[in-house]
Amino acid sequence: MRVFVLAVFLWVSAFSSSALAGDAVIDRALDTLNSTRSLYAKFKQYDQDGNRWTGQMWLKRPGKIRFQYDPPENDVIWSTGLFIKLYDAELETVTHIPVGLAPAWFLLEDPVQLDKKVEILAAGNAGKNYFLTASQEGLLANGKVTIIFEQGVPDQILGWTVVEDNGRTMHFNLINPMFGAAIDDEVFRYQPPIKADTSN
């Protein structure tokens, strides 16, 4: 799971569209991402092999994020700015990833914007939901991400799916998300156990 935890940043789409909705869907998706200033949710994560994980996540823009995996996994992903850090509880190591290389660009950029590094592959509607599939140059794990949104007042992020170049797929679903939640900055200042190897 260790490699794909990073790819989860975040997370072939579960939805498809034979006709793209065009710029209107793209603009709506970007508006929803940029209006999401803070978020708390429980989550379920699973891959195509049937492996499943659960945990909690916190987001506070700009630049702050934390994923806390439930036992027996106990991994933690967190960021307060320049680096995303992954504490691997089994290996007792901490890996540092520059934020600019993370597949979580749609959560970490502020504002989220389309530039020459981002390629929109698809955008469309699926019932009351809509989706945006994109890829970004320079990521550690090449591939594409499909972000799923729910129309509402306001619109909300439901989750995302990440597909790597080798076809490996990881899904990430939010459970009872609380958008606009008041989150103390201390949540994002995670300290791994003293014995953890932080040299990576």
C-alpha atoms as a PDB file:
ATOM      1  CA  MET A   1       0.000   0.000   0.000  1.00  0.00           C
ATOM      2  CA  ARG A   2       2.904   2.357   0.704  1.00  0.00           C
ATOM      3  CA  VAL A   3       3.406   3.433  -2.922  1.00  0.00           C
ATOM      4  CA  PHE A   4      -0.289   3.708  -3.620  1.00  0.00           C
ATOM      5  CA  VAL A   5      -1.008   5.714  -0.478  1.00  0.00           C
ATOM      6  CA  LEU A   6       0.871   8.513  -2.217  1.00  0.00           C
ATOM      7  CA  ALA A   7      -1.025   7.840  -5.418  1.00  0.00           C
ATOM      8  CA  VAL A   8      -4.262   8.228  -3.486  1.00  0.00           C
ATOM      9  CA  PHE A   9      -3.617  11.938  -3.507  1.00  0.00           C
ATOM     10  CA  LEU A  10      -4.790  11.122  -3.746  1.00  0.00           C
ATOM     11  CA  TRP A  11      -7.144   8.945  -5.938  1.00  0.00           C
ATOM     12  CA  VAL A  12     -10.049   4.400 -14.803  1.00  0.00           C
ATOM     13  CA  SER A  13     -12.979   6.520 -13.339  1.00  0.00           C
ATOM     14  CA  ALA A  14     -16.017   4.745 -11.903  1.00  0.00           C
ATOM     15  CA  PHE A  15     -18.050   7.076 -14.112  1.00  0.00           C
ATOM     16  CA  SER A  16     -17.883   7.501 -17.871  1.00  0.00           C
ATOM     17  CA  SER A  17     -19.382   9.893 -20.375  1.00  0.00           C
ATOM     18  CA  SER A  18     -19.919   9.426 -24.080  1.00  0.00           C
ATOM     19  CA  ALA A  19     -20.306  13.168 -24.566  1.00  0.00           C
ATOM     20  CA  LEU A  20     -18.194  15.659 -22.707  1.00  0.00           C
ATOM     21  CA  ALA A  21     -19.970  18.511 -20.961  1.00  0.00           C
ATOM     22  CA  GLY A  22     -17.222  20.878 -21.961  1.00  0.00           C
ATOM     23  CA  ASP A  23     -16.000  24.046 -20.313  1.00  0.00           C
ATOM     24  CA  ALA A  24     -19.059  24.419 -18.071  1.00  0.00           C
ATOM     25  CA  VAL A  25     -18.223  21.238 -16.133  1.00  0.00           C
ATOM     26  CA  ILE A  26     -14.527  22.111 -15.963  1.00  0.00           C
ATOM     27  CA  ASP A  27     -15.296  25.587 -14.619  1.00  0.00           C
ATOM     28  CA  ARG A  28     -17.742  24.175 -12.084  1.00  0.00           C
ATOM     29  CA  ALA A  29     -15.214  21.589 -10.903  1.00  0.00           C
ATOM     30  CA  LEU A  30     -12.507  24.223 -10.466  1.00  0.00           C
ATOM     31  CA  ASP A  31     -14.915  26.487  -8.583  1.00  0.00           C
ATOM     32  CA  THR A  32     -15.779  23.618  -6.217  1.00  0.00           C
ATOM     33  CA  LEU A  33     -12.126  22.755  -5.603  1.00  0.00           C
ATOM     34  CA  ASN A  34     -11.153  26.363  -4.963  1.00  0.00           C
ATOM     35  CA  SER A  35     -14.100  27.013  -2.664  1.00  0.00           C
ATOM     36  CA  THR A  36     -13.149  24.021  -0.496  1.00  0.00           C
ATOM     37  CA  ARG A  37     -11.094  25.864   2.107  1.00  0.00           C
ATOM     38  CA  SER A  38     -11.280  23.239   4.838  1.00  0.00           C
ATOM     39  CA  LEU A  39     -12.548  19.684   5.132  1.00  0.00           C
ATOM     40  CA  TYR A  40     -12.819  16.893   7.673  1.00  0.00           C
ATOM     41  CA  ALA A  41     -14.016  13.424   6.695  1.00  0.00           C
ATOM     42  CA  LYS A  42     -13.648   9.747   7.345  1.00  0.00           C
ATOM     43  CA  PHE A  43     -12.638   7.793   4.274  1.00  0.00           C
ATOM     44  CA  LYS A  44     -12.593   4.398   2.638  1.00  0.00           C
ATOM     45  CA  GLN A  45      -9.777   3.497   0.280  1.00  0.00           C
ATOM     46  CA  TYR A  46      -9.650   0.402  -1.923  1.00  0.00           C
ATOM     47  CA  ASP A  47      -7.861  -0.997  -4.947  1.00  0.00           C
ATOM     48  CA  GLN A  48      -8.758  -3.358  -7.764  1.00  0.00           C
ATOM     49  CA  ASP A  49      -7.433  -6.348  -5.791  1.00  0.00           C
ATOM     50  CA  GLY A  50     -10.013  -5.892  -3.046  1.00  0.00           C
ATOM     51  CA  ASN A  51      -7.646  -4.422  -0.473  1.00  0.00           C
ATOM     52  CA  ARG A  52      -9.383  -1.885   1.769  1.00  0.00           C
ATOM     53  CA  TRP A  53      -8.294   0.730   4.276  1.00  0.00           C
ATOM     54  CA  THR A  54     -10.114   3.302   6.384  1.00  0.00           C
ATOM     55  CA  GLY A  55      -9.139   6.421   8.255  1.00  0.00           C
ATOM     56  CA  GLN A  56      -9.682  10.124   8.757  1.00  0.00           C
ATOM     57  CA  MET A  57      -8.549  13.139   6.747  1.00  0.00           C
ATOM     58  CA  TRP A  58      -8.202  16.852   7.418  1.00  0.00           C
ATOM     59  CA  LEU A  59      -7.608  19.596   4.855  1.00  0.00           C
ATOM     60  CA  LYS A  60      -6.993  23.294   5.406  1.00  0.00           C
ATOM     61  CA  ARG A  61      -5.855  25.402   2.520  1.00  0.00           C
ATOM     62  CA  PRO A  62      -3.366  26.590   1.667  1.00  0.00           C
ATOM     63  CA  GLY A  63      -0.968  23.713   2.063  1.00  0.00           C
ATOM     64  CA  LYS A  64      -2.201  21.749   5.077  1.00  0.00           C
ATOM     65  CA  ILE A  65      -3.399  18.160   4.866  1.00  0.00           C
ATOM     66  CA  ARG A  66      -3.378  15.001   6.968  1.00  0.00           C
ATOM     67  CA  PHE A  67      -4.488  11.416   6.386  1.00  0.00           C
ATOM     68  CA  GLN A  68      -4.556   9.163   9.462  1.00  0.00           C
ATOM     69  CA  TYR A  69      -5.037   5.450   8.723  1.00  0.00           C
ATOM     70  CA  ASP A  70      -6.908   3.241  11.171  1.00  0.00           C
ATOM     71  CA  PRO A  71      -5.213   0.273  12.882  1.00  0.00           C
ATOM     72  CA  PRO A  72      -3.656  -2.063  12.028  1.00  0.00           C
ATOM     73  CA  GLU A  73      -2.177   0.169   9.309  1.00  0.00           C
ATOM     74  CA  ASN A  74      -1.412   3.300  11.387  1.00  0.00           C
ATOM     75  CA  ASP A  75       0.258   5.147   8.496  1.00  0.00           C
ATOM     76  CA  VAL A  76       0.066   8.942   8.490  1.00  0.00           C
ATOM     77  CA  ILE A  77       0.386  11.352   5.559  1.00  0.00           C
ATOM     78  CA  TRP A  78       0.698  15.035   6.384  1.00  0.00           C
ATOM     79  CA  SER A  79       1.835  18.370   5.010  1.00  0.00           C
ATOM     80  CA  THR A  80       2.128  21.909   6.293  1.00  0.00           C
ATOM     81  CA  GLY A  81       3.694  23.445   3.222  1.00  0.00           C
ATOM     82  CA  LEU A  82       6.610  22.470   0.983  1.00  0.00           C
ATOM     83  CA  PHE A  83       6.668  18.702   1.527  1.00  0.00           C
ATOM     84  CA  ILE A  84       4.204  15.857   1.854  1.00  0.00           C
ATOM     85  CA  LYS A  85       5.458  13.364   4.425  1.00  0.00           C
ATOM     86  CA  LEU A  86       4.505   9.715   4.753  1.00  0.00           C
ATOM     87  CA  TYR A  87       5.055   7.830   7.985  1.00  0.00           C
ATOM     88  CA  ASP A  88       5.140   4.108   7.209  1.00  0.00           C
ATOM     89  CA  ALA A  89       4.272   2.444  10.517  1.00  0.00           C
ATOM     90  CA  GLU A  90       5.402  -1.034   9.408  1.00  0.00           C
ATOM     91  CA  LEU A  91       8.822   0.082   8.171  1.00  0.00           C
ATOM     92  CA  GLU A  92       9.099   2.882  10.753  1.00  0.00           C
ATOM     93  CA  THR A  93      10.281   5.338   8.095  1.00  0.00           C
ATOM     94  CA  VAL A  94       9.270   8.817   6.980  1.00  0.00           C
ATOM     95  CA  THR A  95       9.408   9.695   3.275  1.00  0.00           C
ATOM     96  CA  HIS A  96       9.450  13.333   2.119  1.00  0.00           C
ATOM     97  CA  ILE A  97       7.849  14.241  -1.216  1.00  0.00           C
ATOM     98  CA  PRO A  98       7.941  17.785  -2.663  1.00  0.00           C
ATOM     99  CA  VAL A  99       4.370  19.072  -2.865  1.00  0.00           C
ATOM    100  CA  GLY A 100       4.858  19.940  -6.538  1.00  0.00           C
ATOM    101  CA  LEU A 101       5.439  16.263  -7.370  1.00  0.00           C
ATOM    102  CA  ALA A 102       2.408  14.898  -5.526  1.00  0.00           C
ATOM    103  CA  PRO A 103      -0.647  13.510  -7.317  1.00  0.00           C
ATOM    104  CA  ALA A 104      -2.678  15.551  -4.812  1.00  0.00           C
ATOM    105  CA  TRP A 105      -2.324  18.698  -6.883  1.00  0.00           C
ATOM    106  CA  PHE A 106      -6.093  19.209  -6.916  1.00  0.00           C
ATOM    107  CA  LEU A 107      -6.128  19.409  -3.101  1.00  0.00           C
ATOM    108  CA  LEU A 108      -2.849  21.222  -2.513  1.00  0.00           C
ATOM    109  CA  GLU A 109      -2.686  23.944  -5.152  1.00  0.00           C
ATOM    110  CA  ASP A 110      -4.146  27.272  -4.103  1.00  0.00           C
ATOM    111  CA  PRO A 111      -5.742  28.281  -6.295  1.00  0.00           C
ATOM    112  CA  VAL A 112      -6.252  25.189  -8.425  1.00  0.00           C
ATOM    113  CA  GLN A 113      -5.785  26.317 -11.990  1.00  0.00           C
ATOM    114  CA  LEU A 114      -5.262  24.892 -15.416  1.00  0.00           C
ATOM    115  CA  ASP A 115      -1.858  25.594 -16.898  1.00  0.00           C
ATOM    116  CA  LYS A 116       0.481  23.942 -19.359  1.00  0.00           C
ATOM    117  CA  LYS A 117       1.303  21.180 -16.831  1.00  0.00           C
ATOM    118  CA  VAL A 118      -2.313  20.008 -16.501  1.00  0.00           C
ATOM    119  CA  GLU A 119      -4.126  18.081 -19.228  1.00  0.00           C
ATOM    120  CA  ILE A 120      -7.901  17.666 -19.012  1.00  0.00           C
ATOM    121  CA  LEU A 121      -8.739  14.215 -20.373  1.00  0.00           C
ATOM    122  CA  ALA A 122     -12.505  14.126 -19.758  1.00  0.00           C
ATOM    123  CA  ALA A 123     -15.310  16.022 -18.045  1.00  0.00           C
ATOM    124  CA  GLY A 124     -18.962  15.120 -17.854  1.00  0.00           C
ATOM    125  CA  ASN A 125     -22.088  14.341 -15.884  1.00  0.00           C
ATOM    126  CA  ALA A 126     -23.290  11.124 -14.235  1.00  0.00           C
ATOM    127  CA  GLY A 127     -26.750  11.661 -12.770  1.00  0.00           C
ATOM    128  CA  LYS A 128     -26.564  14.354 -10.118  1.00  0.00           C
ATOM    129  CA  ASN A 129     -22.797  13.962 -10.029  1.00  0.00           C
ATOM    130  CA  TYR A 130     -20.135  15.286 -12.363  1.00  0.00           C
ATOM    131  CA  PHE A 131     -16.476  14.429 -12.838  1.00  0.00           C
ATOM    132  CA  LEU A 132     -13.187  15.738 -14.098  1.00  0.00           C
ATOM    133  CA  THR A 133     -10.322  13.518 -15.290  1.00  0.00           C
ATOM    134  CA  ALA A 134      -6.881  15.089 -15.554  1.00  0.00           C
ATOM    135  CA  SER A 135      -3.184  14.347 -15.552  1.00  0.00           C
ATOM    136  CA  GLN A 136      -0.272  16.554 -14.561  1.00  0.00           C
ATOM    137  CA  GLU A 137       3.330  16.535 -15.685  1.00  0.00           C
ATOM    138  CA  GLY A 138       6.100  15.954 -13.181  1.00  0.00           C
ATOM    139  CA  LEU A 139       4.268  13.659 -10.781  1.00  0.00           C
ATOM    140  CA  LEU A 140       6.058  10.843  -8.978  1.00  0.00           C
ATOM    141  CA  ALA A 141       3.402   8.375 -10.051  1.00  0.00           C
ATOM    142  CA  ASN A 142       2.445   9.002 -13.649  1.00  0.00           C
ATOM    143  CA  GLY A 143      -1.181   8.458 -14.511  1.00  0.00           C
ATOM    144  CA  LYS A 144      -4.493  10.228 -14.225  1.00  0.00           C
ATOM    145  CA  VAL A 145      -6.914  11.247 -11.538  1.00  0.00           C
ATOM    146  CA  THR A 146     -10.695  11.400 -11.764  1.00  0.00           C
ATOM    147  CA  ILE A 147     -12.359  13.626  -9.180  1.00  0.00           C
ATOM    148  CA  ILE A 148     -16.066  13.039  -8.477  1.00  0.00           C
ATOM    149  CA  PHE A 149     -18.344  15.892  -7.396  1.00  0.00           C
ATOM    150  CA  GLU A 150     -21.938  16.061  -6.203  1.00  0.00           C
ATOM    151  CA  GLN A 151     -24.191  18.901  -7.305  1.00  0.00           C
ATOM    152  CA  GLY A 152     -25.738  20.732  -4.384  1.00  0.00           C
ATOM    153  CA  VAL A 153     -25.761  23.938  -2.389  1.00  0.00           C
ATOM    154  CA  PRO A 154     -22.825  24.057  -2.363  1.00  0.00           C
ATOM    155  CA  ASP A 155     -21.320  21.376  -4.612  1.00  0.00           C
ATOM    156  CA  GLN A 156     -19.085  18.882  -2.812  1.00  0.00           C
ATOM    157  CA  ILE A 157     -16.176  16.556  -3.506  1.00  0.00           C
ATOM    158  CA  LEU A 158     -17.244  12.915  -3.115  1.00  0.00           C
ATOM    159  CA  GLY A 159     -13.858  11.303  -3.751  1.00  0.00           C
ATOM    160  CA  TRP A 160     -11.383  10.443  -6.458  1.00  0.00           C
ATOM    161  CA  THR A 161      -9.740   7.605  -8.353  1.00  0.00           C
ATOM    162  CA  VAL A 162      -6.099   7.422  -9.401  1.00  0.00           C
ATOM    163  CA  VAL A 163      -4.995   5.231 -12.309  1.00  0.00           C
ATOM    164  CA  GLU A 164      -1.279   4.766 -12.834  1.00  0.00           C
ATOM    165  CA  ASP A 165       0.362   4.139 -16.212  1.00  0.00           C
ATOM    166  CA  ASN A 166       0.578   0.431 -15.409  1.00  0.00           C
ATOM    167  CA  GLY A 167      -3.185   0.270 -14.858  1.00  0.00           C
ATOM    168  CA  ARG A 168      -2.988   0.067 -11.075  1.00  0.00           C
ATOM    169  CA  THR A 169      -6.122   1.719  -9.692  1.00  0.00           C
ATOM    170  CA  MET A 170      -6.839   3.243  -6.276  1.00  0.00           C
ATOM    171  CA  HIS A 171     -10.206   4.601  -5.184  1.00  0.00           C
ATOM    172  CA  PHE A 172     -10.782   7.041  -2.343  1.00  0.00           C
ATOM    173  CA  ASN A 173     -14.288   7.800  -1.030  1.00  0.00           C
ATOM    174  CA  LEU A 174     -15.187  10.474   1.529  1.00  0.00           C
ATOM    175  CA  ILE A 175     -17.665   9.526   4.275  1.00  0.00           C
ATOM    176  CA  ASN A 176     -19.846  12.225   5.876  1.00  0.00           C
ATOM    177  CA  PRO A 177     -17.521  15.055   4.825  1.00  0.00           C
ATOM    178  CA  MET A 178     -17.691  18.318   6.776  1.00  0.00           C
ATOM    179  CA  PHE A 179     -16.798  21.175   4.437  1.00  0.00           C
ATOM    180  CA  GLY A 180     -15.822  24.462   6.043  1.00  0.00           C
ATOM    181  CA  ALA A 181     -14.968  22.709   9.311  1.00  0.00           C
ATOM    182  CA  ALA A 182     -12.954  24.634  11.895  1.00  0.00           C
ATOM    183  CA  ILE A 183      -9.643  22.773  12.163  1.00  0.00           C
ATOM    184  CA  ASP A 184      -6.834  23.666  14.551  1.00  0.00           C
ATOM    185  CA  ASP A 185      -3.442  24.009  12.854  1.00  0.00           C
ATOM    186  CA  GLU A 186      -1.959  21.640  15.441  1.00  0.00           C
ATOM    187  CA  VAL A 187      -3.727  18.763  13.661  1.00  0.00           C
ATOM    188  CA  PHE A 188      -1.264  19.129  10.789  1.00  0.00           C
ATOM    189  CA  ARG A 189       1.890  19.232  12.941  1.00  0.00           C
ATOM    190  CA  TYR A 190       2.180  15.480  13.264  1.00  0.00           C
ATOM    191  CA  GLN A 191       5.308  14.117  14.938  1.00  0.00           C
ATOM    192  CA  PRO A 192       6.256  10.528  14.029  1.00  0.00           C
ATOM    193  CA  PRO A 193       7.588   8.237  16.760  1.00  0.00           C
ATOM    194  CA  ILE A 194      11.106   9.098  17.888  1.00  0.00           C
ATOM    195  CA  LYS A 195      12.478   5.797  16.580  1.00  0.00           C
ATOM    196  CA  ALA A 196      11.207   6.463  13.037  1.00  0.00           C
ATOM    197  CA  ASP A 197      13.867   6.847  10.333  1.00  0.00           C
ATOM    198  CA  THR A 198      13.330  10.318   8.808  1.00  0.00           C
ATOM    199  CA  SER A 199      16.302  10.260   6.422  1.00  0.00           C
ATOM    200  CA  ASN A 200      14.281   9.560   3.239  1.00  0.00           C
END
